[in-house]
Structures are given as C-alpha cells and as structure tokens.
Amino acid sequence: MIRALKMLTVTLAVLFFLNGCQAMTGETAGQNLDDGVLTTSVKTSLASDKLITLTRVGVETNNGIVYLTGEVETADQKSRAGSVASQVKGVKQVVNNLQVIKR
C-alpha cells in the first residue's frame, strides 16, 4: 500500500512538472525533445557537407520549423545550407536567414 502511494506521488509529480514545462514554453516535453533532435540532425548534416562552414551558422528549431542564422561566404552556400536542412527527416519548413558576407 505504501509502495503504491509513493508510486502515485512520483507519477503525479512528473505529470505536474511536464505540464509546467508546457505552460512556460507553449510546447510539450515531447515537442521540445523533437525540436532538439531536429536541431542536432540538421547541424550534423550541415557539418558533413564539405561546402558549408558550420562555425558561423546557427540552427534553431521550433515546432519542426528550422531557422538558419549566421553568415556564409557565397549565395551557393546559403542555398545549399537551406537544401541540406530541408532534407532532414522531420523538418517541416526551413527559414533561411543566412547572410552572405564576402571575405
């Protein structure tokens, strides 16, 4: 009986915590996790592409929409980064805000 009560208390605490996370960000814990996985996947794909230098490219994801920010050296790199990001499984849309800065 005591064990069941402890288990119920822990379960309620976890549910309360997860509900609180959703209230703060507007997303469920699952959505936050999915966005984090997408961000990591996009960064990995960009890093494996030899044409793009990842050091000046930022990646953020919100509800499956990937936002690319930062600087690249050519318009081709900007276009390529958007293409690579859009090919990652689970990406709904890519907002390519990369700036072309000639060096």
PDB file of N, CA and C in Angstrom:
ATOM      1  N   MET A   1       0.819  -1.192   0.000  1.00  0.00           N
ATOM      2  CA  MET A   1       0.000   0.000   0.000  1.00  0.00           C
ATOM      3  C   MET A   1       0.866   1.262   0.000  1.00  0.00           C
ATOM      4  N   ILE A   2       1.884   1.286   0.852  1.00  0.00           N
ATOM      5  CA  ILE A   2       2.764   2.456   0.919  1.00  0.00           C
ATOM      6  C   ILE A   2       3.541   2.605  -0.387  1.00  0.00           C
ATOM      7  N   ARG A   3       3.951   1.475  -0.928  1.00  0.00           N
ATOM      8  CA  ARG A   3       4.684   1.496  -2.195  1.00  0.00           C
ATOM      9  C   ARG A   3       3.814   2.074  -3.314  1.00  0.00           C
ATOM     10  N   ALA A   4       2.568   1.692  -3.358  1.00  0.00           N
ATOM     11  CA  ALA A   4       1.643   2.193  -4.374  1.00  0.00           C
ATOM     12  C   ALA A   4       1.416   3.695  -4.188  1.00  0.00           C
ATOM     13  N   LEU A   5       1.329   4.148  -2.957  1.00  0.00           N
ATOM     14  CA  LEU A   5       1.146   5.569  -2.676  1.00  0.00           C
ATOM     15  C   LEU A   5       2.364   6.370  -3.124  1.00  0.00           C
ATOM     16  N   LYS A   6       3.564   5.845  -2.872  1.00  0.00           N
ATOM     17  CA  LYS A   6       4.793   6.513  -3.315  1.00  0.00           C
ATOM     18  C   LYS A   6       4.834   6.602  -4.848  1.00  0.00           C
ATOM     19  N   MET A   7       4.462   5.514  -5.491  1.00  0.00           N
ATOM     20  CA  MET A   7       4.471   5.478  -6.947  1.00  0.00           C
ATOM     21  C   MET A   7       3.478   6.488  -7.517  1.00  0.00           C
ATOM     22  N   LEU A   8       2.314   6.579  -6.919  1.00  0.00           N
ATOM     23  CA  LEU A   8       1.309   7.545  -7.346  1.00  0.00           C
ATOM     24  C   LEU A   8       1.820   8.969  -7.159  1.00  0.00           C
ATOM     25  N   THR A   9       2.469   9.231  -6.044  1.00  0.00           N
ATOM     26  CA  THR A   9       3.015  10.561  -5.762  1.00  0.00           C
ATOM     27  C   THR A   9       4.072  10.944  -6.792  1.00  0.00           C
ATOM     28  N   VAL A  10       4.964  10.026  -7.099  1.00  0.00           N
ATOM     29  CA  VAL A  10       6.009  10.288  -8.093  1.00  0.00           C
ATOM     30  C   VAL A  10       5.393  10.537  -9.460  1.00  0.00           C
ATOM     31  N   THR A  11       4.424   9.735  -9.844  1.00  0.00           N
ATOM     32  CA  THR A  11       3.755   9.892 -11.135  1.00  0.00           C
ATOM     33  C   THR A  11       3.073  11.249 -11.233  1.00  0.00           C
ATOM     34  N   LEU A  12       2.374  11.646 -10.197  1.00  0.00           N
ATOM     35  CA  LEU A  12       1.710  12.954 -10.196  1.00  0.00           C
ATOM     36  C   LEU A  12       2.720  14.094 -10.257  1.00  0.00           C
ATOM     37  N   ALA A  13       3.839  13.948  -9.553  1.00  0.00           N
ATOM     38  CA  ALA A  13       4.879  14.972  -9.577  1.00  0.00           C
ATOM     39  C   ALA A  13       5.455  15.136 -10.980  1.00  0.00           C
ATOM     40  N   VAL A  14       5.700  14.024 -11.657  1.00  0.00           N
ATOM     41  CA  VAL A  14       6.229  14.070 -13.022  1.00  0.00           C
ATOM     42  C   VAL A  14       5.214  14.724 -13.964  1.00  0.00           C
ATOM     43  N   LEU A  15       3.967  14.340 -13.853  1.00  0.00           N
ATOM     44  CA  LEU A  15       2.932  14.942 -14.700  1.00  0.00           C
ATOM     45  C   LEU A  15       2.791  16.436 -14.436  1.00  0.00           C
ATOM     46  N   PHE A  16       2.870  16.829 -13.182  1.00  0.00           N
ATOM     47  CA  PHE A  16       2.803  18.249 -12.830  1.00  0.00           C
ATOM     48  C   PHE A  16       3.975  19.005 -13.439  1.00  0.00           C
ATOM     49  N   PHE A  17       5.173  18.420 -13.343  1.00  0.00           N
ATOM     50  CA  PHE A  17       6.371  19.043 -13.902  1.00  0.00           C
ATOM     51  C   PHE A  17       6.252  19.206 -15.411  1.00  0.00           C
ATOM     52  N   LEU A  18       5.823  18.147 -16.108  1.00  0.00           N
ATOM     53  CA  LEU A  18       5.683  18.214 -17.556  1.00  0.00           C
ATOM     54  C   LEU A  18       4.630  19.227 -17.976  1.00  0.00           C
ATOM     55  N   ASN A  19       3.555  19.318 -17.221  1.00  0.00           N
ATOM     56  CA  ASN A  19       2.528  20.306 -17.518  1.00  0.00           C
ATOM     57  C   ASN A  19       3.076  21.716 -17.318  1.00  0.00           C
ATOM     58  N   GLY A  20       3.894  21.904 -16.307  1.00  0.00           N
ATOM     59  CA  GLY A  20       4.524  23.200 -16.064  1.00  0.00           C
ATOM     60  C   GLY A  20       5.443  23.593 -17.198  1.00  0.00           C
ATOM     61  N   CYS A  21       6.180  22.625 -17.760  1.00  0.00           N
ATOM     62  CA  CYS A  21       7.061  22.905 -18.897  1.00  0.00           C
ATOM     63  C   CYS A  21       6.248  23.392 -20.092  1.00  0.00           C
ATOM     64  N   GLN A  22       5.122  22.780 -20.318  1.00  0.00           N
ATOM     65  CA  GLN A  22       4.288  23.187 -21.440  1.00  0.00           C
ATOM     66  C   GLN A  22       3.754  24.596 -21.221  1.00  0.00           C
ATOM     67  N   ALA A  23       3.405  24.935 -20.007  1.00  0.00           N
ATOM     68  CA  ALA A  23       2.866  26.258 -19.724  1.00  0.00           C
ATOM     69  C   ALA A  23       3.921  27.333 -19.954  1.00  0.00           C
ATOM     70  N   MET A  24       5.178  27.038 -19.671  1.00  0.00           N
ATOM     71  CA  MET A  24       6.239  28.031 -19.821  1.00  0.00           C
ATOM     72  C   MET A  24       6.624  28.260 -21.273  1.00  0.00           C
ATOM     73  N   THR A  25       6.706  27.215 -22.085  1.00  0.00           N
ATOM     74  CA  THR A  25       7.190  27.345 -23.454  1.00  0.00           C
ATOM     75  C   THR A  25       6.093  27.236 -24.495  1.00  0.00           C
ATOM     76  N   GLY A  26       4.944  26.756 -24.106  1.00  0.00           N
ATOM     77  CA  GLY A  26       3.876  26.534 -25.070  1.00  0.00           C
ATOM     78  C   GLY A  26       4.022  25.210 -25.800  1.00  0.00           C
ATOM     79  N   GLU A  27       5.062  24.460 -25.483  1.00  0.00           N
ATOM     80  CA  GLU A  27       5.294  23.173 -26.115  1.00  0.00           C
ATOM     81  C   GLU A  27       5.302  22.087 -25.061  1.00  0.00           C
ATOM     82  N   THR A  28       4.946  20.901 -25.475  1.00  0.00           N
ATOM     83  CA  THR A  28       5.028  19.765 -24.562  1.00  0.00           C
ATOM     84  C   THR A  28       6.485  19.323 -24.464  1.00  0.00           C
ATOM     85  N   ALA A  29       6.783  18.490 -23.491  1.00  0.00           N
ATOM     86  CA  ALA A  29       8.135  17.968 -23.339  1.00  0.00           C
ATOM     87  C   ALA A  29       8.536  17.186 -24.589  1.00  0.00           C
ATOM     88  N   GLY A  30       7.610  16.478 -25.182  1.00  0.00           N
ATOM     89  CA  GLY A  30       7.887  15.733 -26.404  1.00  0.00           C
ATOM     90  C   GLY A  30       8.253  16.636 -27.570  1.00  0.00           C
ATOM     91  N   GLN A  31       7.551  17.757 -27.690  1.00  0.00           N
ATOM     92  CA  GLN A  31       7.864  18.704 -28.761  1.00  0.00           C
ATOM     93  C   GLN A  31       9.245  19.313 -28.552  1.00  0.00           C
ATOM     94  N   ASN A  32       9.577  19.659 -27.307  1.00  0.00           N
ATOM     95  CA  ASN A  32      10.900  20.202 -27.020  1.00  0.00           C
ATOM     96  C   ASN A  32      11.976  19.196 -27.385  1.00  0.00           C
ATOM     97  N   LEU A  33      11.757  17.950 -27.053  1.00  0.00           N
ATOM     98  CA  LEU A  33      12.713  16.891 -27.354  1.00  0.00           C
ATOM     99  C   LEU A  33      12.840  16.706 -28.856  1.00  0.00           C
ATOM    100  N   ASP A  34      11.722  16.669 -29.569  1.00  0.00           N
ATOM    101  CA  ASP A  34      11.750  16.516 -31.022  1.00  0.00           C
ATOM    102  C   ASP A  34      12.498  17.661 -31.684  1.00  0.00           C
ATOM    103  N   ASP A  35      12.263  18.890 -31.242  1.00  0.00           N
ATOM    104  CA  ASP A  35      12.956  20.044 -31.802  1.00  0.00           C
ATOM    105  C   ASP A  35      14.455  19.961 -31.538  1.00  0.00           C
ATOM    106  N   GLY A  36      14.825  19.480 -30.372  1.00  0.00           N
ATOM    107  CA  GLY A  36      16.240  19.320 -30.058  1.00  0.00           C
ATOM    108  C   GLY A  36      16.896  18.278 -30.946  1.00  0.00           C
ATOM    109  N   VAL A  37      16.192  17.194 -31.195  1.00  0.00           N
ATOM    110  CA  VAL A  37      16.704  16.143 -32.080  1.00  0.00           C
ATOM    111  C   VAL A  37      16.839  16.676 -33.502  1.00  0.00           C
ATOM    112  N   LEU A  38      15.849  17.436 -33.967  1.00  0.00           N
ATOM    113  CA  LEU A  38      15.921  18.012 -35.313  1.00  0.00           C
ATOM    114  C   LEU A  38      17.100  18.977 -35.431  1.00  0.00           C
ATOM    115  N   THR A  39      17.287  19.827 -34.425  1.00  0.00           N
ATOM    116  CA  THR A  39      18.409  20.767 -34.444  1.00  0.00           C
ATOM    117  C   THR A  39      19.732  20.022 -34.559  1.00  0.00           C
ATOM    118  N   THR A  40      19.890  18.982 -33.757  1.00  0.00           N
ATOM    119  CA  THR A  40      21.118  18.190 -33.798  1.00  0.00           C
ATOM    120  C   THR A  40      21.288  17.513 -35.154  1.00  0.00           C
ATOM    121  N   SER A  41      20.213  16.973 -35.704  1.00  0.00           N
ATOM    122  CA  SER A  41      20.281  16.307 -37.011  1.00  0.00           C
ATOM    123  C   SER A  41      20.665  17.285 -38.118  1.00  0.00           C
ATOM    124  N   VAL A  42      20.095  18.481 -38.083  1.00  0.00           N
ATOM    125  CA  VAL A  42      20.420  19.483 -39.104  1.00  0.00           C
ATOM    126  C   VAL A  42      21.885  19.905 -38.965  1.00  0.00           C
ATOM    127  N   LYS A  43      22.339  20.153 -37.730  1.00  0.00           N
ATOM    128  CA  LYS A  43      23.739  20.531 -37.525  1.00  0.00           C
ATOM    129  C   LYS A  43      24.684  19.441 -38.017  1.00  0.00           C
ATOM    130  N   THR A  44      24.337  18.185 -37.761  1.00  0.00           N
ATOM    131  CA  THR A  44      25.161  17.063 -38.213  1.00  0.00           C
ATOM    132  C   THR A  44      25.203  17.009 -39.737  1.00  0.00           C
ATOM    133  N   SER A  45      24.059  17.200 -40.371  1.00  0.00           N
ATOM    134  CA  SER A  45      24.005  17.181 -41.840  1.00  0.00           C
ATOM    135  C   SER A  45      24.809  18.328 -42.427  1.00  0.00           C
ATOM    136  N   LEU A  46      24.709  19.505 -41.839  1.00  0.00           N
ATOM    137  CA  LEU A  46      25.472  20.653 -42.328  1.00  0.00           C
ATOM    138  C   LEU A  46      26.969  20.432 -42.129  1.00  0.00           C
ATOM    139  N   ALA A  47      27.341  19.854 -41.006  1.00  0.00           N
ATOM    140  CA  ALA A  47      28.756  19.618 -40.719  1.00  0.00           C
ATOM    141  C   ALA A  47      29.354  18.598 -41.679  1.00  0.00           C
ATOM    142  N   SER A  48      28.553  17.623 -42.102  1.00  0.00           N
ATOM    143  CA  SER A  48      29.070  16.600 -43.010  1.00  0.00           C
ATOM    144  C   SER A  48      29.155  17.092 -44.447  1.00  0.00           C
ATOM    145  N   ASP A  49      28.490  18.216 -44.739  1.00  0.00           N
ATOM    146  CA  ASP A  49      28.550  18.800 -46.074  1.00  0.00           C
ATOM    147  C   ASP A  49      29.811  19.658 -46.165  1.00  0.00           C
ATOM    148  N   LYS A  50      30.702  19.318 -47.049  1.00  0.00           N
ATOM    149  CA  LYS A  50      32.009  19.982 -47.135  1.00  0.00           C
ATOM    150  C   LYS A  50      31.926  21.417 -47.659  1.00  0.00           C
ATOM    151  N   LEU A  51      30.827  21.783 -48.305  1.00  0.00           N
ATOM    152  CA  LEU A  51      30.728  23.115 -48.892  1.00  0.00           C
ATOM    153  C   LEU A  51      30.386  24.204 -47.870  1.00  0.00           C
ATOM    154  N   ILE A  52      29.913  23.806 -46.703  1.00  0.00           N
ATOM    155  CA  ILE A  52      29.419  24.779 -45.733  1.00  0.00           C
ATOM    156  C   ILE A  52      30.294  24.762 -44.480  1.00  0.00           C
ATOM    157  N   THR A  53      30.729  25.937 -44.054  1.00  0.00           N
ATOM    158  CA  THR A  53      31.452  26.008 -42.789  1.00  0.00           C
ATOM    159  C   THR A  53      30.443  26.276 -41.690  1.00  0.00           C
ATOM    160  N   LEU A  54      30.341  25.357 -40.763  1.00  0.00           N
ATOM    161  CA  LEU A  54      29.307  25.412 -39.731  1.00  0.00           C
ATOM    162  C   LEU A  54      29.625  26.428 -38.635  1.00  0.00           C
ATOM    163  N   THR A  55      30.852  26.911 -38.574  1.00  0.00           N
ATOM    164  CA  THR A  55      31.241  27.759 -37.457  1.00  0.00           C
ATOM    165  C   THR A  55      30.427  29.047 -37.376  1.00  0.00           C
ATOM    166  N   ARG A  56      29.916  29.512 -38.477  1.00  0.00           N
ATOM    167  CA  ARG A  56      29.157  30.765 -38.468  1.00  0.00           C
ATOM    168  C   ARG A  56      27.680  30.576 -38.790  1.00  0.00           C
ATOM    169  N   VAL A  57      27.205  29.337 -38.680  1.00  0.00           N
ATOM    170  CA  VAL A  57      25.797  29.037 -38.967  1.00  0.00           C
ATOM    171  C   VAL A  57      25.125  28.562 -37.690  1.00  0.00           C
ATOM    172  N   GLY A  58      24.049  29.257 -37.320  1.00  0.00           N
ATOM    173  CA  GLY A  58      23.269  28.863 -36.153  1.00  0.00           C
ATOM    174  C   GLY A  58      22.007  28.140 -36.602  1.00  0.00           C
ATOM    175  N   VAL A  59      21.605  27.143 -35.823  1.00  0.00           N
ATOM    176  CA  VAL A  59      20.405  26.366 -36.145  1.00  0.00           C
ATOM    177  C   VAL A  59      19.502  26.345 -34.921  1.00  0.00           C
ATOM    178  N   GLU A  60      18.266  26.749 -35.098  1.00  0.00           N
ATOM    179  CA  GLU A  60      17.249  26.658 -34.049  1.00  0.00           C
ATOM    180  C   GLU A  60      16.009  26.029 -34.656  1.00  0.00           C
ATOM    181  N   THR A  61      15.287  25.294 -33.835  1.00  0.00           N
ATOM    182  CA  THR A  61      14.079  24.619 -34.322  1.00  0.00           C
ATOM    183  C   THR A  61      12.926  24.899 -33.377  1.00  0.00           C
ATOM    184  N   ASN A  62      11.763  25.198 -33.950  1.00  0.00           N
ATOM    185  CA  ASN A  62      10.556  25.435 -33.163  1.00  0.00           C
ATOM    186  C   ASN A  62       9.386  24.803 -33.902  1.00  0.00           C
ATOM    187  N   ASN A  63       8.788  23.781 -33.292  1.00  0.00           N
ATOM    188  CA  ASN A  63       7.653  23.062 -33.884  1.00  0.00           C
ATOM    189  C   ASN A  63       7.969  22.514 -35.267  1.00  0.00           C
ATOM    190  N   GLY A  64       9.192  22.016 -35.457  1.00  0.00           N
ATOM    191  CA  GLY A  64       9.571  21.415 -36.727  1.00  0.00           C
ATOM    192  C   GLY A  64      10.026  22.402 -37.776  1.00  0.00           C
ATOM    193  N   ILE A  65       9.987  23.689 -37.468  1.00  0.00           N
ATOM    194  CA  ILE A  65      10.461  24.717 -38.398  1.00  0.00           C
ATOM    195  C   ILE A  65      11.895  25.064 -38.013  1.00  0.00           C
ATOM    196  N   VAL A  66      12.814  24.906 -38.966  1.00  0.00           N
ATOM    197  CA  VAL A  66      14.235  25.141 -38.727  1.00  0.00           C
ATOM    198  C   VAL A  66      14.579  26.556 -39.167  1.00  0.00           C
ATOM    199  N   TYR A  67      15.253  27.280 -38.291  1.00  0.00           N
ATOM    200  CA  TYR A  67      15.706  28.637 -38.563  1.00  0.00           C
ATOM    201  C   TYR A  67      17.227  28.620 -38.682  1.00  0.00           C
ATOM    202  N   LEU A  68      17.735  29.034 -39.846  1.00  0.00           N
ATOM    203  CA  LEU A  68      19.169  29.130 -40.060  1.00  0.00           C
ATOM    204  C   LEU A  68      19.570  30.593 -39.948  1.00  0.00           C
ATOM    205  N   THR A  69      20.559  30.876 -39.119  1.00  0.00           N
ATOM    206  CA  THR A  69      21.051  32.234 -38.947  1.00  0.00           C
ATOM    207  C   THR A  69      22.573  32.231 -39.022  1.00  0.00           C
ATOM    208  N   GLY A  70      23.136  33.377 -39.261  1.00  0.00           N
ATOM    209  CA  GLY A  70      24.583  33.499 -39.287  1.00  0.00           C
ATOM    210  C   GLY A  70      25.075  33.967 -40.639  1.00  0.00           C
ATOM    211  N   GLU A  71      26.339  33.632 -40.924  1.00  0.00           N
ATOM    212  CA  GLU A  71      26.995  34.129 -42.126  1.00  0.00           C
ATOM    213  C   GLU A  71      27.611  32.996 -42.941  1.00  0.00           C
ATOM    214  N   VAL A  72      27.527  33.146 -44.257  1.00  0.00           N
ATOM    215  CA  VAL A  72      28.225  32.268 -45.194  1.00  0.00           C
ATOM    216  C   VAL A  72      28.925  33.160 -46.210  1.00  0.00           C
ATOM    217  N   GLU A  73      29.819  32.574 -46.999  1.00  0.00           N
ATOM    218  CA  GLU A  73      30.634  33.370 -47.915  1.00  0.00           C
ATOM    219  C   GLU A  73      30.024  33.556 -49.299  1.00  0.00           C
ATOM    220  N   THR A  74      29.124  32.660 -49.709  1.00  0.00           N
ATOM    221  CA  THR A  74      28.545  32.762 -51.046  1.00  0.00           C
ATOM    222  C   THR A  74      27.044  32.474 -51.019  1.00  0.00           C
ATOM    223  N   ALA A  75      26.369  32.927 -52.065  1.00  0.00           N
ATOM    224  CA  ALA A  75      24.938  32.643 -52.209  1.00  0.00           C
ATOM    225  C   ALA A  75      24.712  31.144 -52.398  1.00  0.00           C
ATOM    226  N   ASP A  76      25.673  30.455 -53.044  1.00  0.00           N
ATOM    227  CA  ASP A  76      25.559  28.999 -53.217  1.00  0.00           C
ATOM    228  C   ASP A  76      25.567  28.292 -51.867  1.00  0.00           C
ATOM    229  N   GLN A  77      26.424  28.750 -50.945  1.00  0.00           N
ATOM    230  CA  GLN A  77      26.470  28.151 -49.611  1.00  0.00           C
ATOM    231  C   GLN A  77      25.159  28.366 -48.873  1.00  0.00           C
ATOM    232  N   LYS A  78      24.583  29.549 -49.031  1.00  0.00           N
ATOM    233  CA  LYS A  78      23.293  29.843 -48.387  1.00  0.00           C
ATOM    234  C   LYS A  78      22.216  28.905 -48.925  1.00  0.00           C
ATOM    235  N   SER A  79      22.163  28.774 -50.230  1.00  0.00           N
ATOM    236  CA  SER A  79      21.179  27.900 -50.860  1.00  0.00           C
ATOM    237  C   SER A  79      21.400  26.445 -50.463  1.00  0.00           C
ATOM    238  N   ARG A  80      22.663  26.020 -50.463  1.00  0.00           N
ATOM    239  CA  ARG A  80      22.998  24.634 -50.117  1.00  0.00           C
ATOM    240  C   ARG A  80      22.608  24.326 -48.674  1.00  0.00           C
ATOM    241  N   ALA A  81      22.854  25.272 -47.767  1.00  0.00           N
ATOM    242  CA  ALA A  81      22.501  25.062 -46.359  1.00  0.00           C
ATOM    243  C   ALA A  81      20.995  24.859 -46.204  1.00  0.00           C
ATOM    244  N   GLY A  82      20.218  25.659 -46.922  1.00  0.00           N
ATOM    245  CA  GLY A  82      18.765  25.504 -46.880  1.00  0.00           C
ATOM    246  C   GLY A  82      18.321  24.162 -47.428  1.00  0.00           C
ATOM    247  N   SER A  83      18.955  23.719 -48.519  1.00  0.00           N
ATOM    248  CA  SER A  83      18.621  22.420 -49.110  1.00  0.00           C
ATOM    249  C   SER A  83      18.958  21.271 -48.177  1.00  0.00           C
ATOM    250  N   VAL A  84      20.158  21.328 -47.590  1.00  0.00           N
ATOM    251  CA  VAL A  84      20.585  20.266 -46.680  1.00  0.00           C
ATOM    252  C   VAL A  84      19.642  20.191 -45.489  1.00  0.00           C
ATOM    253  N   ALA A  85      19.289  21.343 -44.916  1.00  0.00           N
ATOM    254  CA  ALA A  85      18.393  21.371 -43.754  1.00  0.00           C
ATOM    255  C   ALA A  85      17.014  20.828 -44.104  1.00  0.00           C
ATOM    256  N   SER A  86      16.517  21.165 -45.275  1.00  0.00           N
ATOM    257  CA  SER A  86      15.164  20.726 -45.653  1.00  0.00           C
ATOM    258  C   SER A  86      15.080  19.228 -45.911  1.00  0.00           C
ATOM    259  N   GLN A  87      16.211  18.585 -46.177  1.00  0.00           N
ATOM    260  CA  GLN A  87      16.214  17.147 -46.456  1.00  0.00           C
ATOM    261  C   GLN A  87      16.250  16.292 -45.194  1.00  0.00           C
ATOM    262  N   VAL A  88      16.431  16.915 -44.041  1.00  0.00           N
ATOM    263  CA  VAL A  88      16.461  16.158 -42.787  1.00  0.00           C
ATOM    264  C   VAL A  88      15.043  15.699 -42.462  1.00  0.00           C
ATOM    265  N   LYS A  89      14.917  14.429 -42.128  1.00  0.00           N
ATOM    266  CA  LYS A  89      13.610  13.848 -41.842  1.00  0.00           C
ATOM    267  C   LYS A  89      12.986  14.540 -40.622  1.00  0.00           C
ATOM    268  N   GLY A  90      11.735  14.979 -40.775  1.00  0.00           N
ATOM    269  CA  GLY A  90      11.009  15.621 -39.692  1.00  0.00           C
ATOM    270  C   GLY A  90      10.952  17.130 -39.799  1.00  0.00           C
ATOM    271  N   VAL A  91      11.769  17.709 -40.669  1.00  0.00           N
ATOM    272  CA  VAL A  91      11.765  19.161 -40.855  1.00  0.00           C
ATOM    273  C   VAL A  91      10.544  19.537 -41.684  1.00  0.00           C
ATOM    274  N   LYS A  92       9.717  20.423 -41.134  1.00  0.00           N
ATOM    275  CA  LYS A  92       8.508  20.854 -41.833  1.00  0.00           C
ATOM    276  C   LYS A  92       8.789  22.006 -42.791  1.00  0.00           C
ATOM    277  N   GLN A  93       9.670  22.905 -42.356  1.00  0.00           N
ATOM    278  CA  GLN A  93       9.956  24.109 -43.135  1.00  0.00           C
ATOM    279  C   GLN A  93      11.323  24.627 -42.717  1.00  0.00           C
ATOM    280  N   VAL A  94      12.001  25.328 -43.631  1.00  0.00           N
ATOM    281  CA  VAL A  94      13.281  25.959 -43.319  1.00  0.00           C
ATOM    282  C   VAL A  94      13.155  27.453 -43.581  1.00  0.00           C
ATOM    283  N   VAL A  95      13.512  28.249 -42.587  1.00  0.00           N
ATOM    284  CA  VAL A  95      13.574  29.700 -42.738  1.00  0.00           C
ATOM    285  C   VAL A  95      15.058  30.044 -42.808  1.00  0.00           C
ATOM    286  N   ASN A  96      15.506  30.400 -43.995  1.00  0.00           N
ATOM    287  CA  ASN A  96      16.923  30.626 -44.240  1.00  0.00           C
ATOM    288  C   ASN A  96      17.244  32.115 -44.095  1.00  0.00           C
ATOM    289  N   ASN A  97      17.735  32.488 -42.911  1.00  0.00           N
ATOM    290  CA  ASN A  97      18.098  33.876 -42.636  1.00  0.00           C
ATOM    291  C   ASN A  97      19.605  34.082 -42.680  1.00  0.00           C
ATOM    292  N   LEU A  98      20.306  33.216 -43.419  1.00  0.00           N
ATOM    293  CA  LEU A  98      21.753  33.351 -43.538  1.00  0.00           C
ATOM    294  C   LEU A  98      22.096  34.604 -44.350  1.00  0.00           C
ATOM    295  N   GLN A  99      23.154  35.273 -43.935  1.00  0.00           N
ATOM    296  CA  GLN A  99      23.637  36.464 -44.614  1.00  0.00           C
ATOM    297  C   GLN A  99      24.886  36.110 -45.415  1.00  0.00           C
ATOM    298  N   VAL A 100      24.968  36.582 -46.653  1.00  0.00           N
ATOM    299  CA  VAL A 100      26.157  36.356 -47.481  1.00  0.00           C
ATOM    300  C   VAL A 100      27.126  37.492 -47.202  1.00  0.00           C
ATOM    301  N   ILE A 101      28.280  37.117 -46.650  1.00  0.00           N
ATOM    302  CA  ILE A 101      29.336  38.094 -46.325  1.00  0.00           C
ATOM    303  C   ILE A 101      30.592  37.690 -47.095  1.00  0.00           C
ATOM    304  N   LYS A 102      30.976  38.507 -48.057  1.00  0.00           N
ATOM    305  CA  LYS A 102      32.173  38.210 -48.854  1.00  0.00           C
ATOM    306  C   LYS A 102      33.404  38.554 -48.030  1.00  0.00           C
ATOM    307  N   ARG A 103      34.365  37.653 -48.035  1.00  0.00           N
ATOM    308  CA  ARG A 103      35.602  37.882 -47.265  1.00  0.00           C
ATOM    309  C   ARG A 103      36.764  38.056 -48.190  1.00  0.00           C
TER     310      ARG A 103
END
